[in-house]
């Protein structure tokens, strides 16, 4: 699945124009429209493709299982 996000404005006649989409002509798409609140700005990714770069990540027990072995259904 290839996902692409774009911000657009509804025209006076009720249409929305989407230009320069990264899909080939004739490809069928699902379209979901979400109204933005007035104080919401489009998401910015100043670090390009790595938005978590420079953020602090800490794992207390990175090698411990997320679910206890007793609760894991795959062993049954």
N, C-alpha and C. Protein backbone atom coordinates (compact mmCIF):
# COMPACT_ATOMS: atom_id res chain seq x y z
N UNK A 1 0.85 -1.17 0.00
CA UNK A 1 0.00 0.00 0.00
C UNK A 1 0.90 1.23 0.00
N UNK A 2 0.67 2.11 -0.92
CA UNK A 2 1.41 3.36 -1.02
C UNK A 2 0.51 4.48 -0.53
N UNK A 3 0.94 5.19 0.51
CA UNK A 3 0.15 6.26 1.10
C UNK A 3 0.80 7.60 0.81
N UNK A 4 -0.01 8.59 0.48
CA UNK A 4 0.49 9.93 0.18
C UNK A 4 -0.42 10.94 0.87
N UNK A 5 0.16 11.88 1.58
CA UNK A 5 -0.63 12.90 2.27
C UNK A 5 -0.46 14.24 1.56
N UNK A 6 -1.58 14.93 1.37
CA UNK A 6 -1.55 16.24 0.73
C UNK A 6 -2.60 17.12 1.40
N UNK A 7 -2.32 18.39 1.51
CA UNK A 7 -3.28 19.34 2.06
C UNK A 7 -3.88 20.13 0.91
N UNK A 8 -5.20 20.26 0.92
CA UNK A 8 -5.89 20.98 -0.16
C UNK A 8 -7.00 21.83 0.44
N UNK A 9 -7.50 22.74 -0.36
CA UNK A 9 -8.59 23.63 0.06
C UNK A 9 -9.79 23.40 -0.84
N UNK A 10 -10.97 23.35 -0.23
CA UNK A 10 -12.20 23.18 -1.00
C UNK A 10 -12.48 24.48 -1.76
N UNK A 11 -12.74 24.35 -3.06
CA UNK A 11 -13.02 25.50 -3.91
C UNK A 11 -14.45 25.99 -3.68
N UNK A 12 -14.78 27.16 -4.20
CA UNK A 12 -16.13 27.73 -4.05
C UNK A 12 -17.22 26.82 -4.61
N UNK A 13 -16.88 26.05 -5.65
CA UNK A 13 -17.88 25.16 -6.26
C UNK A 13 -17.92 23.79 -5.58
N UNK A 14 -17.19 23.62 -4.47
CA UNK A 14 -17.22 22.36 -3.72
C UNK A 14 -16.23 21.32 -4.19
N UNK A 15 -15.37 21.65 -5.13
CA UNK A 15 -14.40 20.68 -5.63
C UNK A 15 -13.07 20.82 -4.89
N UNK A 16 -12.31 19.74 -4.93
CA UNK A 16 -10.95 19.73 -4.39
C UNK A 16 -10.03 19.30 -5.52
N UNK A 17 -8.99 20.07 -5.76
CA UNK A 17 -8.05 19.77 -6.85
C UNK A 17 -6.75 19.25 -6.25
N UNK A 18 -6.33 18.08 -6.72
CA UNK A 18 -5.08 17.46 -6.26
C UNK A 18 -4.15 17.37 -7.45
N UNK A 19 -3.03 18.06 -7.38
CA UNK A 19 -2.06 18.07 -8.48
C UNK A 19 -0.81 17.29 -8.10
N UNK A 20 -0.11 16.81 -9.11
CA UNK A 20 1.19 16.15 -8.96
C UNK A 20 1.16 14.98 -7.99
N UNK A 21 0.16 14.14 -8.12
CA UNK A 21 0.09 12.95 -7.26
C UNK A 21 1.09 11.90 -7.74
N UNK A 22 1.67 11.14 -6.82
CA UNK A 22 2.70 10.16 -7.19
C UNK A 22 2.11 8.81 -7.61
N UNK A 23 1.01 8.83 -8.34
CA UNK A 23 0.36 7.60 -8.79
C UNK A 23 0.22 7.64 -10.31
N UNK A 24 0.23 6.47 -10.92
CA UNK A 24 0.06 6.40 -12.37
C UNK A 24 -1.39 6.63 -12.74
N UNK A 25 -1.61 7.15 -13.93
CA UNK A 25 -2.96 7.37 -14.44
C UNK A 25 -3.72 6.05 -14.48
N UNK A 26 -4.96 6.07 -14.05
CA UNK A 26 -5.79 4.88 -14.09
C UNK A 26 -5.78 4.06 -12.81
N UNK A 27 -4.90 4.39 -11.86
CA UNK A 27 -4.83 3.65 -10.60
C UNK A 27 -6.05 4.01 -9.75
N UNK A 28 -6.69 3.00 -9.16
CA UNK A 28 -7.84 3.23 -8.30
C UNK A 28 -7.35 3.60 -6.90
N UNK A 29 -7.95 4.64 -6.31
CA UNK A 29 -7.53 5.14 -5.00
C UNK A 29 -8.70 5.19 -4.03
N UNK A 30 -8.44 5.00 -2.75
CA UNK A 30 -9.39 5.29 -1.69
C UNK A 30 -9.08 6.70 -1.22
N UNK A 31 -10.10 7.53 -1.08
CA UNK A 31 -9.89 8.92 -0.67
C UNK A 31 -10.63 9.15 0.64
N UNK A 32 -9.91 9.65 1.65
CA UNK A 32 -10.50 9.99 2.94
C UNK A 32 -10.22 11.47 3.17
N UNK A 33 -11.26 12.23 3.45
CA UNK A 33 -11.10 13.67 3.67
C UNK A 33 -11.31 13.97 5.15
N UNK A 34 -10.36 14.69 5.75
CA UNK A 34 -10.43 15.05 7.16
C UNK A 34 -10.32 16.56 7.26
N UNK A 35 -11.32 17.20 7.85
CA UNK A 35 -11.28 18.65 8.01
C UNK A 35 -10.28 19.01 9.11
N UNK A 36 -9.41 19.96 8.81
CA UNK A 36 -8.43 20.42 9.80
C UNK A 36 -9.06 21.50 10.67
N UNK A 37 -8.72 21.47 11.96
CA UNK A 37 -9.18 22.56 12.82
C UNK A 37 -8.40 23.82 12.45
N UNK A 38 -8.94 24.97 12.77
CA UNK A 38 -8.32 26.22 12.35
C UNK A 38 -6.93 26.43 12.94
N UNK A 39 -6.68 25.88 14.14
CA UNK A 39 -5.37 26.07 14.76
C UNK A 39 -4.38 24.97 14.37
N UNK A 40 -4.82 24.01 13.58
CA UNK A 40 -3.95 22.91 13.18
C UNK A 40 -3.17 23.28 11.92
N UNK A 41 -1.89 23.07 11.96
CA UNK A 41 -1.06 23.30 10.78
C UNK A 41 -0.65 21.95 10.23
N UNK A 42 -0.37 21.86 8.95
CA UNK A 42 0.06 20.58 8.38
C UNK A 42 1.33 20.09 9.07
N UNK A 43 1.47 18.78 9.23
CA UNK A 43 2.65 18.26 9.91
C UNK A 43 3.94 18.63 9.18
N UNK A 44 4.91 19.03 9.93
CA UNK A 44 6.21 19.39 9.37
C UNK A 44 7.23 18.33 9.77
N UNK A 45 8.08 17.95 8.87
CA UNK A 45 9.16 17.03 9.19
C UNK A 45 10.47 17.72 8.84
N UNK A 46 10.97 18.56 9.75
CA UNK A 46 12.19 19.31 9.44
C UNK A 46 13.41 18.43 9.24
N UNK A 47 13.35 17.20 9.74
CA UNK A 47 14.50 16.31 9.61
C UNK A 47 14.34 15.35 8.44
N UNK A 48 13.43 15.65 7.54
CA UNK A 48 13.27 14.81 6.36
C UNK A 48 12.59 13.50 6.67
N UNK A 49 13.19 12.41 6.23
CA UNK A 49 12.57 11.09 6.38
C UNK A 49 12.81 10.48 7.75
N UNK A 50 13.51 11.16 8.65
CA UNK A 50 13.81 10.60 9.96
C UNK A 50 13.34 11.55 11.06
N UNK A 51 12.00 11.63 11.31
CA UNK A 51 11.50 12.60 12.27
C UNK A 51 11.90 12.31 13.72
N UNK A 52 12.35 11.08 14.03
CA UNK A 52 12.75 10.76 15.40
C UNK A 52 14.24 11.01 15.65
N UNK A 53 14.96 11.43 14.64
CA UNK A 53 16.39 11.66 14.80
C UNK A 53 16.63 12.74 15.85
N UNK A 54 17.49 12.43 16.80
CA UNK A 54 17.80 13.38 17.86
C UNK A 54 16.87 13.29 19.06
N UNK A 55 15.79 12.51 18.96
CA UNK A 55 14.90 12.36 20.10
C UNK A 55 15.50 11.34 21.07
N UNK A 56 15.09 11.43 22.32
CA UNK A 56 15.63 10.55 23.35
C UNK A 56 14.75 9.31 23.45
N UNK A 57 15.34 8.17 23.22
CA UNK A 57 14.64 6.90 23.35
C UNK A 57 15.35 6.07 24.40
N UNK A 58 14.58 5.45 25.30
CA UNK A 58 15.17 4.64 26.34
C UNK A 58 14.29 3.41 26.55
N UNK A 59 14.88 2.25 26.54
CA UNK A 59 14.18 1.01 26.79
C UNK A 59 14.74 0.41 28.07
N UNK A 60 13.88 0.19 29.07
CA UNK A 60 14.35 -0.40 30.32
C UNK A 60 14.85 -1.81 30.11
N UNK A 61 14.07 -2.61 29.43
CA UNK A 61 14.44 -4.01 29.19
C UNK A 61 14.16 -4.35 27.73
N UNK A 62 15.01 -3.94 26.83
CA UNK A 62 14.71 -4.10 25.41
C UNK A 62 14.64 -5.56 24.95
N UNK A 63 15.25 -6.47 25.68
CA UNK A 63 15.25 -7.87 25.26
C UNK A 63 14.21 -8.71 25.98
N UNK A 64 13.45 -8.12 26.86
CA UNK A 64 12.39 -8.84 27.56
C UNK A 64 11.17 -8.94 26.65
N UNK A 65 10.43 -10.06 26.74
CA UNK A 65 9.22 -10.18 25.92
C UNK A 65 8.15 -9.19 26.37
N UNK A 66 7.33 -8.76 25.45
CA UNK A 66 6.26 -7.81 25.76
C UNK A 66 5.14 -8.48 26.55
N UNK A 67 4.97 -9.78 26.36
CA UNK A 67 3.93 -10.55 27.04
C UNK A 67 4.62 -11.68 27.79
N UNK A 68 4.14 -11.97 28.98
CA UNK A 68 4.77 -13.04 29.75
C UNK A 68 4.60 -14.37 29.02
N UNK A 69 5.53 -15.29 29.24
CA UNK A 69 5.52 -16.58 28.56
C UNK A 69 4.24 -17.35 28.90
N UNK A 70 3.72 -17.18 30.12
CA UNK A 70 2.48 -17.87 30.53
C UNK A 70 1.27 -17.41 29.72
N UNK A 71 1.29 -16.18 29.24
CA UNK A 71 0.15 -15.63 28.50
C UNK A 71 0.29 -15.76 26.99
N UNK A 72 1.36 -16.34 26.52
CA UNK A 72 1.62 -16.42 25.09
C UNK A 72 0.91 -17.63 24.50
N UNK A 73 -0.10 -17.43 23.67
CA UNK A 73 -0.93 -18.50 23.12
C UNK A 73 -0.18 -19.37 22.12
N UNK A 74 0.90 -18.89 21.55
CA UNK A 74 1.61 -19.67 20.54
C UNK A 74 2.26 -20.92 21.12
N UNK A 75 2.49 -20.93 22.43
CA UNK A 75 3.12 -22.10 23.06
C UNK A 75 2.11 -23.20 23.35
N UNK A 76 0.83 -22.92 23.22
CA UNK A 76 -0.20 -23.91 23.57
C UNK A 76 -0.53 -24.79 22.40
